[in-house]
Amino acid sequence: MTRNGLISAAESAYDLSVDATQWLDQLCVRVADVFRPSLGVVGYFHQANAARDGIDIFDGVTRHAPAGADDLLLTLSRTATPEIVRDVFMYGPVSGCIADALAPHRQDLGRSMFQHHVGANDAFCIMVRSPVGASACIALLQREVMPRSNPALLERYHQLAAHVAAGLRLRNEVGSIDATLDTDGRCLDARGDARGADLRAELRRAVRARDAARTARADDERALEIWQGLVSGRWSLVDSYESDGRRFVVARKNAPAHRDPRRLTLRERQVAALLATASSNKLIAYHLGLAVSTVGELVTSIRHKLGASSRAELIFTLRSLDAASTRATTPASNQASDG
């Protein structure tokens, strides 16, 4: 039975058995196998400095990329303005080509950088952000300039990015195991929130849905719809093997949360963390394994609590709170050295 390419990439996001560079490299390979044609792929980790006016890029990997990829990453790091740090690296689109990510007046400059260093005239990027530790980018180099991506394509790669983000959070801060299940979803051990009968049933459904997606004959779009990012906004499902090769599934705590909770509930903080990246309600629902209507209600509640009159104002408020919280929690010595 043929495995779906995007599902294979999503699976590799949860591989905790390899180091960070190997993890990124295998993701680059699987994504490049799906997104064709391309001139090659470049992956790297990135993190904004304390002042958020510059970006550090490190541990780059390349696959079939032209010479000059290393120089490209160095140039990206050196030339990123505060606006680029904010609009692309921190809060920009989750996936898309340069036309999707950059304002019109910056698009020619962005493309010229790729053309100068690696002979590519465009790139399709998957930006994966983590609230803890480094974030990551996978850039698929393109020979031709790409127009703005169609919504169906973007949705598939947004969904893939949700899984890669969950895997990256696990790598940056491995959550506790709340449940162990067999491959049919039967709960063998549960603790914490997972002890409730309703939540155990939800975990069982999620295990079955994930395995259905992994073995489905459906196309990638349908398969990714089946396998959502988190279970009940709380857990990622990760394979675990005994010495005899027997497979289990463990549910690890892995919920995103906004840095500055104020009066928000835990679930509202989870939604706020994704809302700050300008994610749609549909994509937030996919990340968290919630109904779109539930996300809408939570967004409305967050907006009222933070006194925002519109969604745009709410996103601006959340980003401002996030930046203020980062500055408050960064040691003074680090802020001084970064300045």
C-alpha atoms as a PDB file:
ATOM      1  CA  MET A   1       0.000   0.000   0.000  1.00  0.00           C
ATOM      2  CA  THR A   2       1.419   3.346  -1.044  1.00  0.00           C
ATOM      3  CA  ARG A   3       2.146   5.774   1.749  1.00  0.00           C
ATOM      4  CA  ASN A   4       1.050   9.382   1.293  1.00  0.00           C
ATOM      5  CA  GLY A   5       3.952  11.778   0.989  1.00  0.00           C
ATOM      6  CA  LEU A   6       2.676  14.480   3.326  1.00  0.00           C
ATOM      7  CA  ILE A   7       1.642  11.874   5.902  1.00  0.00           C
ATOM      8  CA  SER A   8       5.162  10.442   5.751  1.00  0.00           C
ATOM      9  CA  ALA A   9       6.538  13.926   6.403  1.00  0.00           C
ATOM     10  CA  ALA A  10       4.099  14.416   9.295  1.00  0.00           C
ATOM     11  CA  GLU A  11       5.198  11.092  10.808  1.00  0.00           C
ATOM     12  CA  SER A  12       8.842  12.098  10.719  1.00  0.00           C
ATOM     13  CA  ALA A  13       8.009  15.254  12.694  1.00  0.00           C
ATOM     14  CA  TYR A  14       7.350  13.092  15.762  1.00  0.00           C
ATOM     15  CA  ASP A  15      10.626  11.154  15.542  1.00  0.00           C
ATOM     16  CA  LEU A  16      12.342  11.859  18.861  1.00  0.00           C
ATOM     17  CA  SER A  17      15.016   9.178  18.338  1.00  0.00           C
ATOM     18  CA  VAL A  18      17.327  11.400  16.240  1.00  0.00           C
ATOM     19  CA  ASP A  19      19.161  14.611  17.011  1.00  0.00           C
ATOM     20  CA  ALA A  20      17.897  17.989  15.856  1.00  0.00           C
ATOM     21  CA  THR A  21      19.975  18.167  12.671  1.00  0.00           C
ATOM     22  CA  GLN A  22      18.976  14.661  11.600  1.00  0.00           C
ATOM     23  CA  TRP A  23      15.335  15.483  12.386  1.00  0.00           C
ATOM     24  CA  LEU A  24      15.421  18.553  10.150  1.00  0.00           C
ATOM     25  CA  ASP A  25      17.313  16.726   7.417  1.00  0.00           C
ATOM     26  CA  GLN A  26      14.785  13.889   7.188  1.00  0.00           C
ATOM     27  CA  LEU A  27      11.948  16.411   7.107  1.00  0.00           C
ATOM     28  CA  CYS A  28      13.650  18.215   4.222  1.00  0.00           C
ATOM     29  CA  VAL A  29      13.970  14.940   2.315  1.00  0.00           C
ATOM     30  CA  ARG A  30      10.325  13.988   2.757  1.00  0.00           C
ATOM     31  CA  VAL A  31       8.938  17.428   1.946  1.00  0.00           C
ATOM     32  CA  ALA A  32      11.158  17.699  -1.147  1.00  0.00           C
ATOM     33  CA  ASP A  33       9.834  14.320  -2.331  1.00  0.00           C
ATOM     34  CA  VAL A  34       6.311  15.754  -2.290  1.00  0.00           C
ATOM     35  CA  PHE A  35       6.889  19.318  -3.495  1.00  0.00           C
ATOM     36  CA  ARG A  36       8.275  18.898  -7.008  1.00  0.00           C
ATOM     37  CA  PRO A  37       9.916  20.118  -9.046  1.00  0.00           C
ATOM     38  CA  SER A  38      12.510  22.081  -7.099  1.00  0.00           C
ATOM     39  CA  LEU A  39      16.177  22.962  -7.366  1.00  0.00           C
ATOM     40  CA  GLY A  40      16.798  21.521  -3.918  1.00  0.00           C
ATOM     41  CA  VAL A  41      15.865  22.211  -0.338  1.00  0.00           C
ATOM     42  CA  VAL A  42      17.459  24.213   2.471  1.00  0.00           C
ATOM     43  CA  GLY A  43      16.473  23.799   6.105  1.00  0.00           C
ATOM     44  CA  TYR A  44      17.592  25.728   9.144  1.00  0.00           C
ATOM     45  CA  PHE A  45      16.733  26.629  12.723  1.00  0.00           C
ATOM     46  CA  HIS A  46      16.216  30.258  13.708  1.00  0.00           C
ATOM     47  CA  GLN A  47      15.614  32.353  16.803  1.00  0.00           C
ATOM     48  CA  ALA A  48      15.054  36.072  17.264  1.00  0.00           C
ATOM     49  CA  ASN A  49      17.406  37.924  19.576  1.00  0.00           C
ATOM     50  CA  ALA A  50      16.138  39.445  22.820  1.00  0.00           C
ATOM     51  CA  ALA A  51      15.443  42.820  21.220  1.00  0.00           C
ATOM     52  CA  ARG A  52      13.641  41.130  18.309  1.00  0.00           C
ATOM     53  CA  ASP A  53      15.482  43.299  15.813  1.00  0.00           C
ATOM     54  CA  GLY A  54      17.681  40.513  14.454  1.00  0.00           C
ATOM     55  CA  ILE A  55      17.591  36.782  13.780  1.00  0.00           C
ATOM     56  CA  ASP A  56      20.100  34.014  14.474  1.00  0.00           C
ATOM     57  CA  ILE A  57      20.150  31.215  11.881  1.00  0.00           C
ATOM     58  CA  PHE A  58      22.005  28.000  12.646  1.00  0.00           C
ATOM     59  CA  ASP A  59      22.356  24.257  11.986  1.00  0.00           C
ATOM     60  CA  GLY A  60      21.467  24.546   8.312  1.00  0.00           C
ATOM     61  CA  VAL A  61      21.016  21.429   6.188  1.00  0.00           C
ATOM     62  CA  THR A  62      20.793  21.131   2.396  1.00  0.00           C
ATOM     63  CA  ARG A  63      19.563  18.446   0.022  1.00  0.00           C
ATOM     64  CA  HIS A  64      20.481  18.671  -3.664  1.00  0.00           C
ATOM     65  CA  ALA A  65      20.807  22.419  -3.219  1.00  0.00           C
ATOM     66  CA  PRO A  66      23.213  24.412  -5.415  1.00  0.00           C
ATOM     67  CA  ALA A  67      26.488  25.683  -4.017  1.00  0.00           C
ATOM     68  CA  GLY A  68      26.061  28.884  -2.080  1.00  0.00           C
ATOM     69  CA  ALA A  69      23.350  27.700   0.303  1.00  0.00           C
ATOM     70  CA  ASP A  70      25.550  28.369   3.317  1.00  0.00           C
ATOM     71  CA  ASP A  71      26.192  31.913   2.111  1.00  0.00           C
ATOM     72  CA  LEU A  72      22.443  32.359   1.610  1.00  0.00           C
ATOM     73  CA  LEU A  73      21.751  31.512   5.254  1.00  0.00           C
ATOM     74  CA  LEU A  74      24.486  33.873   6.413  1.00  0.00           C
ATOM     75  CA  THR A  75      23.030  36.685   4.294  1.00  0.00           C
ATOM     76  CA  LEU A  76      19.507  36.006   5.591  1.00  0.00           C
ATOM     77  CA  SER A  77      20.799  36.322   9.135  1.00  0.00           C
ATOM     78  CA  ARG A  78      22.813  39.483   8.492  1.00  0.00           C
ATOM     79  CA  THR A  79      20.238  41.387   6.474  1.00  0.00           C
ATOM     80  CA  ALA A  80      17.026  40.620   8.372  1.00  0.00           C
ATOM     81  CA  THR A  81      15.582  43.976   9.437  1.00  0.00           C
ATOM     82  CA  PRO A  82      13.299  44.287  12.491  1.00  0.00           C
ATOM     83  CA  GLU A  83      10.335  44.324  10.093  1.00  0.00           C
ATOM     84  CA  ILE A  84      11.470  41.095   8.408  1.00  0.00           C
ATOM     85  CA  VAL A  85      12.089  39.487  11.802  1.00  0.00           C
ATOM     86  CA  ARG A  86       8.536  40.342  12.829  1.00  0.00           C
ATOM     87  CA  ASP A  87       6.651  39.865   9.554  1.00  0.00           C
ATOM     88  CA  VAL A  88       8.428  36.756   8.271  1.00  0.00           C
ATOM     89  CA  PHE A  89      10.266  34.870  10.992  1.00  0.00           C
ATOM     90  CA  MET A  90       8.001  35.498  13.964  1.00  0.00           C
ATOM     91  CA  TYR A  91       4.488  36.147  12.711  1.00  0.00           C
ATOM     92  CA  GLY A  92       4.498  35.594   8.953  1.00  0.00           C
ATOM     93  CA  PRO A  93       2.570  32.971   6.983  1.00  0.00           C
ATOM     94  CA  VAL A  94       3.063  29.358   8.027  1.00  0.00           C
ATOM     95  CA  SER A  95       3.751  28.344   4.438  1.00  0.00           C
ATOM     96  CA  GLY A  96       3.920  29.906   1.019  1.00  0.00           C
ATOM     97  CA  CYS A  97       6.180  31.389  -1.610  1.00  0.00           C
ATOM     98  CA  ILE A  98       7.791  34.823  -1.454  1.00  0.00           C
ATOM     99  CA  ALA A  99       4.638  36.442  -2.860  1.00  0.00           C
ATOM    100  CA  ASP A 100       2.669  34.958   0.052  1.00  0.00           C
ATOM    101  CA  ALA A 101       5.154  35.992   2.744  1.00  0.00           C
ATOM    102  CA  LEU A 102       6.492  39.396   1.775  1.00  0.00           C
ATOM    103  CA  ALA A 103       4.898  42.748   1.100  1.00  0.00           C
ATOM    104  CA  PRO A 104       5.003  43.700  -2.615  1.00  0.00           C
ATOM    105  CA  HIS A 105       7.832  46.214  -2.172  1.00  0.00           C
ATOM    106  CA  ARG A 106      10.047  43.534  -0.589  1.00  0.00           C
ATOM    107  CA  GLN A 107       9.379  40.669  -3.008  1.00  0.00           C
ATOM    108  CA  ASP A 108      11.998  41.562  -5.637  1.00  0.00           C
ATOM    109  CA  LEU A 109      14.656  41.929  -2.943  1.00  0.00           C
ATOM    110  CA  GLY A 110      13.760  38.557  -1.439  1.00  0.00           C
ATOM    111  CA  ARG A 111      13.898  36.786  -4.799  1.00  0.00           C
ATOM    112  CA  SER A 112      17.173  38.465  -5.776  1.00  0.00           C
ATOM    113  CA  MET A 113      18.797  37.095  -2.633  1.00  0.00           C
ATOM    114  CA  PHE A 114      17.904  33.521  -3.577  1.00  0.00           C
ATOM    115  CA  GLN A 115      18.919  34.108  -7.198  1.00  0.00           C
ATOM    116  CA  HIS A 116      22.301  35.575  -6.257  1.00  0.00           C
ATOM    117  CA  HIS A 117      23.343  32.794  -3.878  1.00  0.00           C
ATOM    118  CA  VAL A 118      21.754  29.600  -5.240  1.00  0.00           C
ATOM    119  CA  GLY A 119      20.453  30.466  -8.699  1.00  0.00           C
ATOM    120  CA  ALA A 120      16.819  30.109  -7.621  1.00  0.00           C
ATOM    121  CA  ASN A 121      14.267  32.730  -8.581  1.00  0.00           C
ATOM    122  CA  ASP A 122      11.824  31.912  -5.793  1.00  0.00           C
ATOM    123  CA  ALA A 123      11.299  29.636  -2.805  1.00  0.00           C
ATOM    124  CA  PHE A 124       8.339  27.930  -1.169  1.00  0.00           C
ATOM    125  CA  CYS A 125       8.900  28.029   2.588  1.00  0.00           C
ATOM    126  CA  ILE A 126       7.370  26.179   5.512  1.00  0.00           C
ATOM    127  CA  MET A 127       7.826  28.211   8.682  1.00  0.00           C
ATOM    128  CA  VAL A 128       7.474  26.243  11.900  1.00  0.00           C
ATOM    129  CA  ARG A 129       7.390  28.300  15.079  1.00  0.00           C
ATOM    130  CA  SER A 130       7.897  27.093  18.619  1.00  0.00           C
ATOM    131  CA  PRO A 131       7.190  29.212  21.743  1.00  0.00           C
ATOM    132  CA  VAL A 132      10.048  27.395  23.494  1.00  0.00           C
ATOM    133  CA  GLY A 133      13.534  27.212  21.959  1.00  0.00           C
ATOM    134  CA  ALA A 134      14.358  27.474  18.293  1.00  0.00           C
ATOM    135  CA  SER A 135      11.936  27.591  15.380  1.00  0.00           C
ATOM    136  CA  ALA A 136      12.603  26.058  11.965  1.00  0.00           C
ATOM    137  CA  CYS A 137      12.228  26.734   8.255  1.00  0.00           C
ATOM    138  CA  ILE A 138      12.217  24.450   5.220  1.00  0.00           C
ATOM    139  CA  ALA A 139      12.795  26.320   1.937  1.00  0.00           C
ATOM    140  CA  LEU A 140      12.158  24.574  -1.393  1.00  0.00           C
ATOM    141  CA  LEU A 141      14.127  26.379  -4.089  1.00  0.00           C
ATOM    142  CA  GLN A 142      12.264  27.140  -7.321  1.00  0.00           C
ATOM    143  CA  ARG A 143      13.550  27.806 -10.823  1.00  0.00           C
ATOM    144  CA  GLU A 144      10.601  30.009 -11.800  1.00  0.00           C
ATOM    145  CA  VAL A 145       8.970  32.926  -9.988  1.00  0.00           C
ATOM    146  CA  MET A 146       5.823  31.662  -8.297  1.00  0.00           C
ATOM    147  CA  PRO A 147       2.539  33.592  -8.131  1.00  0.00           C
ATOM    148  CA  ARG A 148       0.587  33.652  -4.887  1.00  0.00           C
ATOM    149  CA  SER A 149      -0.218  30.093  -3.886  1.00  0.00           C
ATOM    150  CA  ASN A 150      -3.724  28.705  -4.280  1.00  0.00           C
ATOM    151  CA  PRO A 151      -5.658  28.234  -1.011  1.00  0.00           C
ATOM    152  CA  ALA A 152      -5.907  24.434  -1.328  1.00  0.00           C
ATOM    153  CA  LEU A 153      -2.127  24.081  -1.610  1.00  0.00           C
ATOM    154  CA  LEU A 154      -1.541  26.408   1.321  1.00  0.00           C
ATOM    155  CA  GLU A 155      -4.030  24.554   3.498  1.00  0.00           C
ATOM    156  CA  ARG A 156      -2.251  21.214   2.963  1.00  0.00           C
ATOM    157  CA  TYR A 157       1.106  22.688   3.902  1.00  0.00           C
ATOM    158  CA  HIS A 158      -0.396  24.653   6.798  1.00  0.00           C
ATOM    159  CA  GLN A 159      -1.688  21.325   8.122  1.00  0.00           C
ATOM    160  CA  LEU A 160       1.708  19.692   7.676  1.00  0.00           C
ATOM    161  CA  ALA A 161       3.282  22.637   9.505  1.00  0.00           C
ATOM    162  CA  ALA A 162       0.918  22.008  12.430  1.00  0.00           C
ATOM    163  CA  HIS A 163       2.411  18.524  12.852  1.00  0.00           C
ATOM    164  CA  VAL A 164       5.982  19.754  12.436  1.00  0.00           C
ATOM    165  CA  ALA A 165       5.311  22.469  15.044  1.00  0.00           C
ATOM    166  CA  ALA A 166       3.969  19.846  17.465  1.00  0.00           C
ATOM    167  CA  GLY A 167       7.052  17.703  16.888  1.00  0.00           C
ATOM    168  CA  LEU A 168       9.350  20.686  17.363  1.00  0.00           C
ATOM    169  CA  ARG A 169       7.659  21.602  20.665  1.00  0.00           C
ATOM    170  CA  LEU A 170       8.211  18.046  21.841  1.00  0.00           C
ATOM    171  CA  ARG A 171      11.890  18.265  20.907  1.00  0.00           C
ATOM    172  CA  ASN A 172      12.316  21.624  22.644  1.00  0.00           C
ATOM    173  CA  GLU A 173      10.417  20.675  25.787  1.00  0.00           C
ATOM    174  CA  VAL A 174       9.349  17.031  26.046  1.00  0.00           C
ATOM    175  CA  GLY A 175       6.014  16.821  27.851  1.00  0.00           C
ATOM    176  CA  SER A 176       5.014  14.226  30.400  1.00  0.00           C
ATOM    177  CA  ILE A 177       3.306  11.007  29.313  1.00  0.00           C
ATOM    178  CA  ASP A 178      -0.341  11.024  30.392  1.00  0.00           C
ATOM    179  CA  ALA A 179      -1.466   7.811  28.714  1.00  0.00           C
ATOM    180  CA  THR A 180      -0.137   4.666  27.067  1.00  0.00           C
ATOM    181  CA  LEU A 181      -2.356   2.970  24.505  1.00  0.00           C
ATOM    182  CA  ASP A 182      -2.125  -0.090  22.295  1.00  0.00           C
ATOM    183  CA  THR A 183      -2.288   0.229  18.518  1.00  0.00           C
ATOM    184  CA  ASP A 184      -6.069  -0.194  18.605  1.00  0.00           C
ATOM    185  CA  GLY A 185      -6.373   2.767  20.974  1.00  0.00           C
ATOM    186  CA  ARG A 186      -7.170   0.809  24.126  1.00  0.00           C
ATOM    187  CA  CYS A 187      -5.810   2.659  27.163  1.00  0.00           C
ATOM    188  CA  LEU A 188      -3.272   0.553  29.074  1.00  0.00           C
ATOM    189  CA  ASP A 189      -2.272   3.244  31.555  1.00  0.00           C
ATOM    190  CA  ALA A 190      -3.548   6.757  32.236  1.00  0.00           C
ATOM    191  CA  ARG A 191      -2.744   9.548  34.635  1.00  0.00           C
ATOM    192  CA  GLY A 192      -3.664  13.193  35.087  1.00  0.00           C
ATOM    193  CA  ASP A 193      -6.398  14.508  32.808  1.00  0.00           C
ATOM    194  CA  ALA A 194      -6.351  11.360  30.700  1.00  0.00           C
ATOM    195  CA  ARG A 195      -7.930   9.274  33.472  1.00  0.00           C
ATOM    196  CA  GLY A 196     -11.445  10.471  32.643  1.00  0.00           C
ATOM    197  CA  ALA A 197     -13.539   8.028  30.623  1.00  0.00           C
ATOM    198  CA  ASP A 198     -14.516  10.641  28.024  1.00  0.00           C
ATOM    199  CA  LEU A 199     -10.912  11.687  27.448  1.00  0.00           C
ATOM    200  CA  ARG A 200      -9.723   8.081  27.215  1.00  0.00           C
ATOM    201  CA  ALA A 201     -12.393   7.541  24.562  1.00  0.00           C
ATOM    202  CA  GLU A 202     -11.181  10.643  22.728  1.00  0.00           C
ATOM    203  CA  LEU A 203      -7.593   9.376  22.800  1.00  0.00           C
ATOM    204  CA  ARG A 204      -8.765   6.031  21.446  1.00  0.00           C
ATOM    205  CA  ARG A 205     -10.550   7.716  18.552  1.00  0.00           C
ATOM    206  CA  ALA A 206      -7.456   9.801  17.836  1.00  0.00           C
ATOM    207  CA  VAL A 207      -5.167   6.738  17.718  1.00  0.00           C
ATOM    208  CA  ARG A 208      -7.523   5.042  15.271  1.00  0.00           C
ATOM    209  CA  ALA A 209      -7.852   8.182  13.156  1.00  0.00           C
ATOM    210  CA  ARG A 210      -4.086   8.584  12.994  1.00  0.00           C
ATOM    211  CA  ASP A 211      -3.542   5.009  11.892  1.00  0.00           C
ATOM    212  CA  ALA A 212      -6.358   5.346   9.347  1.00  0.00           C
ATOM    213  CA  ALA A 213      -4.584   8.402   7.900  1.00  0.00           C
ATOM    214  CA  ARG A 214      -1.256   6.594   7.772  1.00  0.00           C
ATOM    215  CA  THR A 215      -2.664   3.663   5.825  1.00  0.00           C
ATOM    216  CA  ALA A 216      -5.348   5.463   3.817  1.00  0.00           C
ATOM    217  CA  ARG A 217      -5.587   5.183   0.079  1.00  0.00           C
ATOM    218  CA  ALA A 218      -7.015   8.682   0.094  1.00  0.00           C
ATOM    219  CA  ASP A 219      -5.017  11.607  -1.205  1.00  0.00           C
ATOM    220  CA  ASP A 220      -2.796  13.691   1.041  1.00  0.00           C
ATOM    221  CA  GLU A 221      -5.458  16.319   1.619  1.00  0.00           C
ATOM    222  CA  ARG A 222      -7.982  13.803   2.967  1.00  0.00           C
ATOM    223  CA  ALA A 223      -5.346  11.942   4.977  1.00  0.00           C
ATOM    224  CA  LEU A 224      -4.168  15.100   6.730  1.00  0.00           C
ATOM    225  CA  GLU A 225      -7.769  16.060   7.513  1.00  0.00           C
ATOM    226  CA  ILE A 226      -8.158  12.724   9.312  1.00  0.00           C
ATOM    227  CA  TRP A 227      -5.047  13.158  11.451  1.00  0.00           C
ATOM    228  CA  GLN A 228      -5.308  16.445  13.336  1.00  0.00           C
ATOM    229  CA  GLY A 229      -2.514  18.185  15.214  1.00  0.00           C
ATOM    230  CA  LEU A 230      -3.374  17.644  18.883  1.00  0.00           C
ATOM    231  CA  VAL A 231      -5.910  15.593  20.824  1.00  0.00           C
ATOM    232  CA  SER A 232      -8.312  17.874  22.699  1.00  0.00           C
ATOM    233  CA  GLY A 233      -5.711  20.632  22.598  1.00  0.00           C
ATOM    234  CA  ARG A 234      -3.584  18.686  25.099  1.00  0.00           C
ATOM    235  CA  TRP A 235      -1.613  15.764  23.702  1.00  0.00           C
ATOM    236  CA  SER A 236       0.541  14.653  20.814  1.00  0.00           C
ATOM    237  CA  LEU A 237       0.505  10.958  19.947  1.00  0.00           C
ATOM    238  CA  VAL A 238       3.986   9.452  19.656  1.00  0.00           C
ATOM    239  CA  ASP A 239       4.979   5.883  18.841  1.00  0.00           C
ATOM    240  CA  SER A 240       6.907   3.924  21.465  1.00  0.00           C
ATOM    241  CA  TYR A 241       8.525   0.513  21.008  1.00  0.00           C
ATOM    242  CA  GLU A 242       9.508  -2.221  23.428  1.00  0.00           C
ATOM    243  CA  SER A 243      12.722  -4.197  23.018  1.00  0.00           C
ATOM    244  CA  ASP A 244      10.838  -6.934  21.156  1.00  0.00           C
ATOM    245  CA  GLY A 245       9.539  -4.403  18.614  1.00  0.00           C
ATOM    246  CA  ARG A 246       5.996  -4.264  19.981  1.00  0.00           C
ATOM    247  CA  ARG A 247       4.483  -0.844  19.274  1.00  0.00           C
ATOM    248  CA  PHE A 248       2.532   1.319  21.670  1.00  0.00           C
ATOM    249  CA  VAL A 249       1.251   4.879  21.400  1.00  0.00           C
ATOM    250  CA  VAL A 250       1.926   7.391  24.153  1.00  0.00           C
ATOM    251  CA  ALA A 251       0.045  10.646  24.663  1.00  0.00           C
ATOM    252  CA  ARG A 252       2.491  13.404  25.626  1.00  0.00           C
ATOM    253  CA  LYS A 253       1.435  16.800  26.915  1.00  0.00           C
ATOM    254  CA  ASN A 254       2.268  19.262  24.180  1.00  0.00           C
ATOM    255  CA  ALA A 255      -0.122  22.214  24.203  1.00  0.00           C
ATOM    256  CA  PRO A 256       1.030  25.600  22.880  1.00  0.00           C
ATOM    257  CA  ALA A 257       0.376  28.526  25.200  1.00  0.00           C
ATOM    258  CA  HIS A 258       0.730  32.293  24.993  1.00  0.00           C
ATOM    259  CA  ARG A 259       3.563  33.800  27.041  1.00  0.00           C
ATOM    260  CA  ASP A 260       1.381  36.361  28.815  1.00  0.00           C
ATOM    261  CA  PRO A 261      -1.821  34.679  30.046  1.00  0.00           C
ATOM    262  CA  ARG A 262      -3.391  37.684  31.819  1.00  0.00           C
ATOM    263  CA  ARG A 263      -6.947  36.579  32.603  1.00  0.00           C
ATOM    264  CA  LEU A 264      -7.083  33.893  29.940  1.00  0.00           C
ATOM    265  CA  THR A 265      -7.936  30.284  30.674  1.00  0.00           C
ATOM    266  CA  LEU A 266      -5.540  27.528  29.617  1.00  0.00           C
ATOM    267  CA  ARG A 267      -7.580  26.768  26.502  1.00  0.00           C
ATOM    268  CA  GLU A 268      -7.749  30.476  25.642  1.00  0.00           C
ATOM    269  CA  ARG A 269      -3.970  30.741  26.001  1.00  0.00           C
ATOM    270  CA  GLN A 270      -3.583  27.836  23.571  1.00  0.00           C
ATOM    271  CA  VAL A 271      -5.774  29.602  21.029  1.00  0.00           C
ATOM    272  CA  ALA A 272      -4.017  32.924  21.674  1.00  0.00           C
ATOM    273  CA  ALA A 273      -0.602  31.403  20.932  1.00  0.00           C
ATOM    274  CA  LEU A 274      -1.792  30.428  17.448  1.00  0.00           C
ATOM    275  CA  LEU A 275      -3.913  33.524  16.923  1.00  0.00           C
ATOM    276  CA  ALA A 276      -0.795  35.675  17.393  1.00  0.00           C
ATOM    277  CA  THR A 277       0.583  34.135  14.179  1.00  0.00           C
ATOM    278  CA  ALA A 278      -2.579  35.293  12.349  1.00  0.00           C
ATOM    279  CA  SER A 279      -3.763  31.695  11.918  1.00  0.00           C
ATOM    280  CA  SER A 280      -7.355  31.301  10.789  1.00  0.00           C
ATOM    281  CA  ASN A 281      -9.948  29.749  13.089  1.00  0.00           C
ATOM    282  CA  LYS A 282      -9.977  26.676  10.846  1.00  0.00           C
ATOM    283  CA  LEU A 283      -6.212  26.201  11.148  1.00  0.00           C
ATOM    284  CA  ILE A 284      -6.295  26.800  14.917  1.00  0.00           C
ATOM    285  CA  ALA A 285      -8.999  24.133  15.168  1.00  0.00           C
ATOM    286  CA  TYR A 286      -6.769  21.749  13.196  1.00  0.00           C
ATOM    287  CA  HIS A 287      -3.780  22.430  15.454  1.00  0.00           C
ATOM    288  CA  LEU A 288      -5.734  21.839  18.632  1.00  0.00           C
ATOM    289  CA  GLY A 289      -8.155  19.140  17.552  1.00  0.00           C
ATOM    290  CA  LEU A 290     -11.176  21.348  18.340  1.00  0.00           C
ATOM    291  CA  ALA A 291     -14.338  22.268  16.461  1.00  0.00           C
ATOM    292  CA  VAL A 292     -14.110  25.473  14.427  1.00  0.00           C
ATOM    293  CA  SER A 293     -17.164  26.788  16.272  1.00  0.00           C
ATOM    294  CA  THR A 294     -15.407  26.220  19.612  1.00  0.00           C
ATOM    295  CA  VAL A 295     -12.384  28.163  18.408  1.00  0.00           C
ATOM    296  CA  GLY A 296     -14.671  31.009  17.308  1.00  0.00           C
ATOM    297  CA  GLU A 297     -16.197  31.198  20.764  1.00  0.00           C
ATOM    298  CA  LEU A 298     -12.739  31.196  22.368  1.00  0.00           C
ATOM    299  CA  VAL A 299     -11.483  33.951  20.052  1.00  0.00           C
ATOM    300  CA  THR A 300     -14.500  36.079  20.977  1.00  0.00           C
ATOM    301  CA  SER A 301     -13.844  35.479  24.676  1.00  0.00           C
ATOM    302  CA  ILE A 302     -10.154  36.407  24.304  1.00  0.00           C
ATOM    303  CA  ARG A 303     -11.076  39.566  22.408  1.00  0.00           C
ATOM    304  CA  HIS A 304     -13.499  40.666  25.133  1.00  0.00           C
ATOM    305  CA  LYS A 305     -11.046  39.927  27.954  1.00  0.00           C
ATOM    306  CA  LEU A 306      -8.248  41.875  26.268  1.00  0.00           C
ATOM    307  CA  GLY A 307     -10.535  44.745  25.219  1.00  0.00           C
ATOM    308  CA  ALA A 308      -9.828  44.427  21.485  1.00  0.00           C
ATOM    309  CA  SER A 309     -12.445  45.836  19.104  1.00  0.00           C
ATOM    310  CA  SER A 310     -11.443  43.691  16.125  1.00  0.00           C
ATOM    311  CA  ARG A 311      -9.480  40.573  15.228  1.00  0.00           C
ATOM    312  CA  ALA A 312      -6.644  42.705  13.811  1.00  0.00           C
ATOM    313  CA  GLU A 313      -6.425  44.683  17.050  1.00  0.00           C
ATOM    314  CA  LEU A 314      -6.493  41.443  19.038  1.00  0.00           C
ATOM    315  CA  ILE A 315      -3.577  40.004  17.058  1.00  0.00           C
ATOM    316  CA  PHE A 316      -1.609  43.227  17.576  1.00  0.00           C
ATOM    317  CA  THR A 317      -2.353  43.111  21.329  1.00  0.00           C
ATOM    318  CA  LEU A 318      -1.269  39.481  21.635  1.00  0.00           C
ATOM    319  CA  ARG A 319       1.985  40.158  19.800  1.00  0.00           C
ATOM    320  CA  SER A 320       2.686  43.163  22.031  1.00  0.00           C
ATOM    321  CA  LEU A 321       2.053  41.090  25.169  1.00  0.00           C
ATOM    322  CA  ASP A 322       4.288  38.343  23.804  1.00  0.00           C
ATOM    323  CA  ALA A 323       7.130  40.782  23.109  1.00  0.00           C
ATOM    324  CA  ALA A 324       6.789  42.418  26.528  1.00  0.00           C
ATOM    325  CA  SER A 325       6.774  39.042  28.253  1.00  0.00           C
ATOM    326  CA  THR A 326       9.907  37.973  26.367  1.00  0.00           C
ATOM    327  CA  ARG A 327      11.764  41.118  27.417  1.00  0.00           C
ATOM    328  CA  ALA A 328      10.632  40.657  31.020  1.00  0.00           C
ATOM    329  CA  THR A 329      11.861  37.063  31.185  1.00  0.00           C
ATOM    330  CA  THR A 330      15.192  37.650  29.395  1.00  0.00           C
ATOM    331  CA  PRO A 331      18.124  38.143  31.825  1.00  0.00           C
ATOM    332  CA  ALA A 332      19.443  41.692  31.798  1.00  0.00           C
ATOM    333  CA  SER A 333      22.934  40.472  30.892  1.00  0.00           C
ATOM    334  CA  ASN A 334      21.561  38.802  27.747  1.00  0.00           C
ATOM    335  CA  GLN A 335      19.615  41.900  26.732  1.00  0.00           C
ATOM    336  CA  ALA A 336      22.686  44.045  27.167  1.00  0.00           C
ATOM    337  CA  SER A 337      24.869  41.704  25.120  1.00  0.00           C
ATOM    338  CA  ASP A 338      22.298  41.583  22.341  1.00  0.00           C
ATOM    339  CA  GLY A 339      22.034  45.359  22.212  1.00  0.00           C
END
